[in-house]
Amino acid sequence: MDVTLIHGASTLSLTDGTVARLLGLDGTGEAPVHRIEERGPQQHGATDIDFRLDPRTVQLALWIKGTSQADLETKRKQLIDAFRATVAAKALRFTLDNGEVYQLDGHSTGSLTMPQEGGEGFVMRVGLTFRAADPTFYDPEATTLTYYLGGSAGTASAVPTVVPTFVGASILNVSESIEYEGTWRAYPRIQIHGPISGPKITNSSGALHEVLEFSGVNIPTGEIYTVDLRYGYKTVTDSAGTSKITELTNASDLATWHLADDSEVTDGVNTLLVTGTAATGATRIDIIYNARYVGI
């Protein structure tokens, strides 16, 4: 496994020996969970009603070896600089031997104290803790599902659907089932490229039936509406960055619309329906997401 620290455009391998080698790793399995329970006045035990994932901590044990004391001090400083506290999140990228890549966003907890011991040559053993407020890993390569008058295209696995698809001269009405490969729900970004009138995106998988609808709204040629469904965002903006959240109908599921994993829908199959009128060859709706995982 290769483990790389990423901060903006900077990268630092923690496994190739250039600065450090990884001696040990812990905390990349199942995300921490706490159960939500309620208890009545005469109840023995409790009633389990739900759960939440808690922040994750990853423990790393590193080995630094220099060719001289000066080289060791240089590598030590590089490691301190790489893990110093910042407002912007850093990322740990894990590249497995089978080629799969997973990423985790977070921050160092400030535990990189860099103790030194004598009698071992130009060598240091260092332990640090990386904390991820969102404990789920994600595939850094995004998947894009594209819907247009001619149908749809994307890199997700398509599953045959019995829902009829009708594509008219100016009517966008495309239904497709895709197999979501993650083990945790994904909240995508959706880009609606005009011209289109009254666009509506529905995930009708299982019992979900979550809808994003712009009833009576005309998005002109050249305009792009972006619906960002990620937690902490939940925004609707046009190309100029102006909020258009009031143009969503009150029945829209802005807070919850997501792609479901196989714990919610059978085999992770999500059935998506995209509709709208007054469309042309320039009309396009992109659903962009990163598959997320509860552990690696």
Protein backbone atom coordinates (compact mmCIF):
# COMPACT_ATOMS: atom_id res chain seq x y z
CA MET A 1 0.00 0.00 0.00
CA ASP A 2 1.16 3.52 -0.79
CA VAL A 3 0.06 6.31 1.57
CA THR A 4 0.41 9.91 0.41
CA LEU A 5 -0.36 13.15 2.23
CA ILE A 6 -1.97 15.77 -0.02
CA HIS A 7 -2.31 19.46 0.83
CA GLY A 8 -3.40 21.63 -2.06
CA ALA A 9 -0.94 20.99 -4.88
CA SER A 10 1.69 19.49 -2.54
CA THR A 11 2.14 15.76 -2.04
CA LEU A 12 4.33 13.78 0.31
CA SER A 13 4.72 10.02 0.20
CA LEU A 14 4.80 8.41 3.63
CA THR A 15 5.90 5.04 2.28
CA ASP A 16 8.59 5.46 -0.38
CA GLY A 17 11.42 6.38 2.00
CA THR A 18 12.19 9.76 0.44
CA VAL A 19 11.21 11.41 3.74
CA ALA A 20 9.64 8.60 5.76
CA ARG A 21 8.54 4.99 5.69
CA LEU A 22 5.32 3.66 7.14
CA LEU A 23 5.86 1.20 9.98
CA GLY A 24 2.28 0.81 11.12
CA LEU A 25 -1.26 1.95 10.37
CA ASP A 26 -4.50 1.70 12.32
CA GLY A 27 -7.98 3.19 12.03
CA THR A 28 -8.85 2.53 8.37
CA GLY A 29 -11.43 -0.21 8.98
CA GLU A 30 -15.10 0.34 9.74
CA ALA A 31 -16.08 3.92 10.57
CA PRO A 32 -16.79 4.60 14.27
CA VAL A 33 -20.50 4.31 15.03
CA HIS A 34 -22.76 5.29 17.88
CA ARG A 35 -26.31 4.04 18.19
CA ILE A 36 -29.26 6.31 18.92
CA GLU A 37 -31.66 4.84 21.47
CA GLU A 38 -34.75 5.89 23.33
CA ARG A 39 -36.18 4.50 26.55
CA GLY A 40 -39.68 4.67 28.01
CA PRO A 41 -40.41 5.10 31.74
CA GLN A 42 -41.42 1.42 32.20
CA GLN A 43 -39.08 -0.03 29.57
CA HIS A 44 -36.35 -2.53 30.38
CA GLY A 45 -33.40 -2.03 28.09
CA ALA A 46 -33.86 0.46 25.25
CA THR A 47 -35.24 0.79 21.73
CA ASP A 48 -32.63 1.14 19.03
CA ILE A 49 -33.88 3.67 16.46
CA ASP A 50 -30.93 4.84 14.37
CA PHE A 51 -27.18 5.40 14.24
CA ARG A 52 -24.62 8.05 13.30
CA LEU A 53 -21.03 7.76 12.14
CA ASP A 54 -18.50 9.50 14.37
CA PRO A 55 -15.25 11.21 13.30
CA ARG A 56 -12.40 8.83 12.52
CA THR A 57 -8.83 8.90 13.80
CA VAL A 58 -6.05 7.20 11.85
CA GLN A 59 -2.84 6.33 13.68
CA LEU A 60 0.38 6.26 11.67
CA ALA A 61 3.80 5.05 12.83
CA LEU A 62 6.61 6.45 10.68
CA TRP A 63 10.32 5.77 10.41
CA ILE A 64 12.73 8.50 9.31
CA LYS A 65 16.32 7.65 8.35
CA GLY A 66 18.92 10.20 7.31
CA THR A 67 22.32 9.80 5.74
CA SER A 68 23.64 12.32 8.27
CA GLN A 69 22.38 14.33 11.22
CA ALA A 70 21.76 17.28 8.90
CA ASP A 71 19.79 15.06 6.48
CA LEU A 72 17.73 13.68 9.36
CA GLU A 73 16.95 17.21 10.57
CA THR A 74 15.89 18.23 7.04
CA LYS A 75 13.49 15.28 6.77
CA ARG A 76 12.19 15.96 10.26
CA LYS A 77 11.40 19.55 9.30
CA GLN A 78 9.69 18.42 6.07
CA LEU A 79 7.39 16.16 8.06
CA ILE A 80 6.55 18.89 10.60
CA ASP A 81 5.81 21.37 7.80
CA ALA A 82 3.61 18.86 5.97
CA PHE A 83 1.47 18.05 9.02
CA ARG A 84 1.30 21.51 10.62
CA ALA A 85 -2.14 22.86 11.55
CA THR A 86 -4.05 24.54 8.72
CA VAL A 87 -7.61 25.73 8.20
CA ALA A 88 -7.91 23.90 4.88
CA ALA A 89 -8.22 20.14 5.11
CA LYS A 90 -5.43 17.82 4.09
CA ALA A 91 -6.00 14.38 2.59
CA LEU A 92 -4.51 10.95 3.04
CA ARG A 93 -4.59 8.97 -0.20
CA PHE A 94 -4.33 5.18 0.04
CA THR A 95 -3.34 3.32 -3.12
CA LEU A 96 -3.80 -0.41 -2.62
CA ASP A 97 -1.74 -3.08 -4.34
CA ASN A 98 -4.76 -3.99 -6.50
CA GLY A 99 -4.84 -0.44 -7.91
CA GLU A 100 -7.85 0.80 -5.95
CA VAL A 101 -7.51 4.34 -4.61
CA TYR A 102 -9.26 5.79 -1.56
CA GLN A 103 -8.98 9.21 0.03
CA LEU A 104 -9.76 10.60 3.48
CA ASP A 105 -9.95 14.32 4.33
CA GLY A 106 -8.96 15.69 7.70
CA HIS A 107 -6.27 17.32 9.83
CA SER A 108 -3.33 16.38 12.01
CA THR A 109 -4.25 16.50 15.70
CA GLY A 110 -0.97 18.21 16.63
CA SER A 111 0.47 15.04 18.14
CA LEU A 112 3.65 15.11 16.02
CA THR A 113 6.01 15.82 18.95
CA MET A 114 9.07 14.24 17.25
CA PRO A 115 10.84 12.61 20.25
CA GLN A 116 14.52 11.81 19.70
CA GLU A 117 16.53 8.92 21.12
CA GLY A 118 20.26 8.40 21.19
CA GLY A 119 22.24 5.39 20.12
CA GLU A 120 20.37 4.55 16.90
CA GLY A 121 22.30 6.49 14.28
CA PHE A 122 20.43 8.98 12.13
CA VAL A 123 17.03 7.40 12.75
CA MET A 124 13.72 8.55 14.28
CA ARG A 125 10.47 6.73 14.95
CA VAL A 126 7.44 9.00 14.89
CA GLY A 127 3.78 8.49 15.71
CA LEU A 128 1.01 10.82 14.61
CA THR A 129 -2.77 10.98 14.54
CA PHE A 130 -4.87 12.14 11.58
CA ARG A 131 -8.48 13.05 12.38
CA ALA A 132 -11.23 12.98 9.74
CA ALA A 133 -14.44 14.78 10.72
CA ASP A 134 -16.17 12.90 7.88
CA PRO A 135 -15.10 9.30 8.56
CA THR A 136 -15.95 7.94 5.10
CA PHE A 137 -13.32 7.31 2.43
CA TYR A 138 -14.03 8.31 -1.16
CA ASP A 139 -12.79 7.54 -4.64
CA PRO A 140 -10.94 10.74 -5.70
CA GLU A 141 -11.88 10.08 -9.33
CA ALA A 142 -15.41 11.43 -9.78
CA THR A 143 -18.07 9.65 -11.82
CA THR A 144 -20.28 11.74 -14.13
CA LEU A 145 -23.70 10.63 -15.38
CA THR A 146 -24.86 12.77 -18.31
CA TYR A 147 -28.46 13.09 -19.53
CA TYR A 148 -29.40 14.74 -22.83
CA LEU A 149 -32.00 14.49 -25.60
CA GLY A 150 -30.25 11.51 -27.13
CA GLY A 151 -30.35 9.51 -23.90
CA SER A 152 -27.68 9.22 -21.22
CA ALA A 153 -24.07 8.28 -20.77
CA GLY A 154 -21.73 7.78 -17.84
CA THR A 155 -19.06 5.61 -16.28
CA ALA A 156 -21.27 3.99 -13.65
CA SER A 157 -22.57 0.49 -14.22
CA ALA A 158 -25.87 0.62 -16.11
CA VAL A 159 -28.60 -1.85 -15.17
CA PRO A 160 -31.42 -2.69 -17.61
CA THR A 161 -34.66 -1.01 -16.57
CA VAL A 162 -38.24 -1.76 -17.51
CA VAL A 163 -39.21 1.90 -17.22
CA PRO A 164 -40.00 3.20 -20.73
CA THR A 165 -37.81 6.02 -22.01
CA PHE A 166 -39.28 8.58 -24.40
CA VAL A 167 -37.12 11.21 -26.04
CA GLY A 168 -39.02 13.77 -28.08
CA ALA A 169 -37.85 16.64 -30.26
CA SER A 170 -37.75 19.00 -27.26
CA ILE A 171 -38.86 16.79 -24.36
CA LEU A 172 -36.20 15.33 -22.09
CA ASN A 173 -37.54 12.20 -20.39
CA VAL A 174 -34.82 9.70 -19.57
CA SER A 175 -34.96 6.94 -16.97
CA GLU A 176 -31.89 4.86 -16.17
CA SER A 177 -30.85 2.50 -13.39
CA ILE A 178 -27.23 2.69 -12.28
CA GLU A 179 -25.40 0.42 -9.88
CA TYR A 180 -23.75 2.55 -7.21
CA GLU A 181 -20.56 0.83 -6.11
CA GLY A 182 -19.95 2.61 -2.79
CA THR A 183 -20.74 1.31 0.68
CA TRP A 184 -21.96 4.71 1.96
CA ARG A 185 -24.40 7.18 0.40
CA ALA A 186 -23.10 9.83 -2.00
CA TYR A 187 -24.40 13.40 -2.17
CA PRO A 188 -23.61 14.57 -5.71
CA ARG A 189 -23.35 17.90 -7.50
CA ILE A 190 -25.84 18.32 -10.32
CA GLN A 191 -25.24 20.73 -13.20
CA ILE A 192 -28.21 21.69 -15.37
CA HIS A 193 -27.14 23.20 -18.71
CA GLY A 194 -29.84 25.23 -20.46
CA PRO A 195 -31.98 25.57 -22.41
CA ILE A 196 -34.57 23.63 -20.45
CA SER A 197 -37.89 24.38 -18.81
CA GLY A 198 -39.09 22.81 -15.57
CA PRO A 199 -36.21 20.35 -15.04
CA LYS A 200 -36.86 17.60 -12.53
CA ILE A 201 -34.47 14.95 -11.23
CA THR A 202 -35.94 12.01 -9.31
CA ASN A 203 -34.30 9.11 -7.50
CA SER A 204 -37.14 6.59 -7.25
CA SER A 205 -35.01 3.74 -5.87
CA GLY A 206 -36.80 1.56 -3.34
CA ALA A 207 -38.68 3.71 -0.84
CA LEU A 208 -36.58 6.83 -1.47
CA HIS A 209 -38.50 8.79 -4.13
CA GLU A 210 -36.41 11.93 -3.62
CA VAL A 211 -37.07 14.82 -6.00
CA LEU A 212 -35.36 18.03 -7.14
CA GLU A 213 -37.85 20.07 -9.17
CA PHE A 214 -37.76 23.52 -10.78
CA SER A 215 -41.42 23.73 -11.76
CA GLY A 216 -42.14 26.65 -14.10
CA VAL A 217 -38.47 27.71 -14.22
CA ASN A 218 -36.84 28.40 -17.60
CA ILE A 219 -33.07 28.02 -17.74
CA PRO A 220 -31.86 29.75 -20.92
CA THR A 221 -29.17 28.68 -23.39
CA GLY A 222 -25.68 29.17 -21.97
CA GLU A 223 -26.87 29.23 -18.35
CA ILE A 224 -25.85 26.53 -15.86
CA TYR A 225 -27.61 25.84 -12.58
CA THR A 226 -25.51 23.92 -10.05
CA VAL A 227 -27.21 22.00 -7.25
CA ASP A 228 -24.60 21.08 -4.63
CA LEU A 229 -26.05 18.37 -2.39
CA ARG A 230 -22.94 17.77 -0.28
CA TYR A 231 -23.36 18.11 3.47
CA GLY A 232 -22.42 21.63 4.55
CA TYR A 233 -23.31 23.05 1.13
CA LYS A 234 -26.92 22.32 0.05
CA THR A 235 -26.88 25.21 -2.43
CA VAL A 236 -28.42 26.10 -5.79
CA THR A 237 -26.53 28.69 -7.84
CA ASP A 238 -26.43 29.99 -11.42
CA SER A 239 -23.31 30.60 -13.52
CA ALA A 240 -22.68 33.93 -11.75
CA GLY A 241 -22.87 32.31 -8.31
CA THR A 242 -26.25 33.88 -7.51
CA SER A 243 -28.44 31.75 -5.26
CA LYS A 244 -31.43 30.16 -7.00
CA ILE A 245 -32.54 28.02 -4.08
CA THR A 246 -35.97 29.69 -4.02
CA GLU A 247 -36.65 28.34 -7.52
CA LEU A 248 -36.75 24.77 -6.18
CA THR A 249 -40.27 23.68 -5.28
CA ASN A 250 -41.11 23.34 -1.60
CA ALA A 251 -41.56 19.60 -2.13
CA SER A 252 -37.95 19.18 -3.29
CA ASP A 253 -35.58 17.09 -1.17
CA LEU A 254 -32.53 19.36 -1.17
CA ALA A 255 -31.42 18.21 2.29
CA THR A 256 -31.61 14.48 1.64
CA TRP A 257 -31.32 13.73 -2.13
CA HIS A 258 -28.56 11.15 -2.54
CA LEU A 259 -27.36 8.02 -4.28
CA ALA A 260 -28.06 5.03 -2.04
CA ASP A 261 -25.79 2.08 -1.30
CA ASP A 262 -26.86 -1.54 -1.02
CA SER A 263 -27.91 -1.14 2.63
CA GLU A 264 -30.80 1.07 1.41
CA VAL A 265 -31.63 -0.30 -2.05
CA THR A 266 -31.20 -3.77 -3.53
CA ASP A 267 -27.68 -4.28 -4.93
CA GLY A 268 -27.10 -0.51 -4.81
CA VAL A 269 -29.28 0.00 -7.90
CA ASN A 270 -30.51 3.60 -8.13
CA THR A 271 -33.25 4.43 -10.64
CA LEU A 272 -32.90 8.01 -11.83
CA LEU A 273 -35.49 9.88 -13.91
CA VAL A 274 -34.59 13.19 -15.56
CA THR A 275 -37.31 15.24 -17.25
CA GLY A 276 -37.83 18.70 -18.74
CA THR A 277 -39.24 20.51 -21.77
CA ALA A 278 -38.04 23.11 -24.29
CA ALA A 279 -34.75 21.23 -24.57
CA THR A 280 -32.33 21.33 -27.51
CA GLY A 281 -29.12 19.59 -28.47
CA ALA A 282 -27.30 21.96 -26.09
CA THR A 283 -29.31 20.77 -23.09
CA ARG A 284 -27.39 18.58 -20.68
CA ILE A 285 -27.75 17.47 -17.07
CA ASP A 286 -24.66 16.12 -15.31
CA ILE A 287 -24.79 14.20 -12.02
CA ILE A 288 -21.27 14.22 -10.57
CA TYR A 289 -20.34 12.12 -7.54
CA ASN A 290 -17.51 10.38 -5.73
CA ALA A 291 -18.30 6.89 -4.47
CA ARG A 292 -17.91 6.76 -0.68
CA TYR A 293 -16.91 3.87 1.59
CA VAL A 294 -17.23 3.15 5.33
CA GLY A 295 -13.75 1.59 5.40
CA ILE A 296 -10.96 0.04 3.37
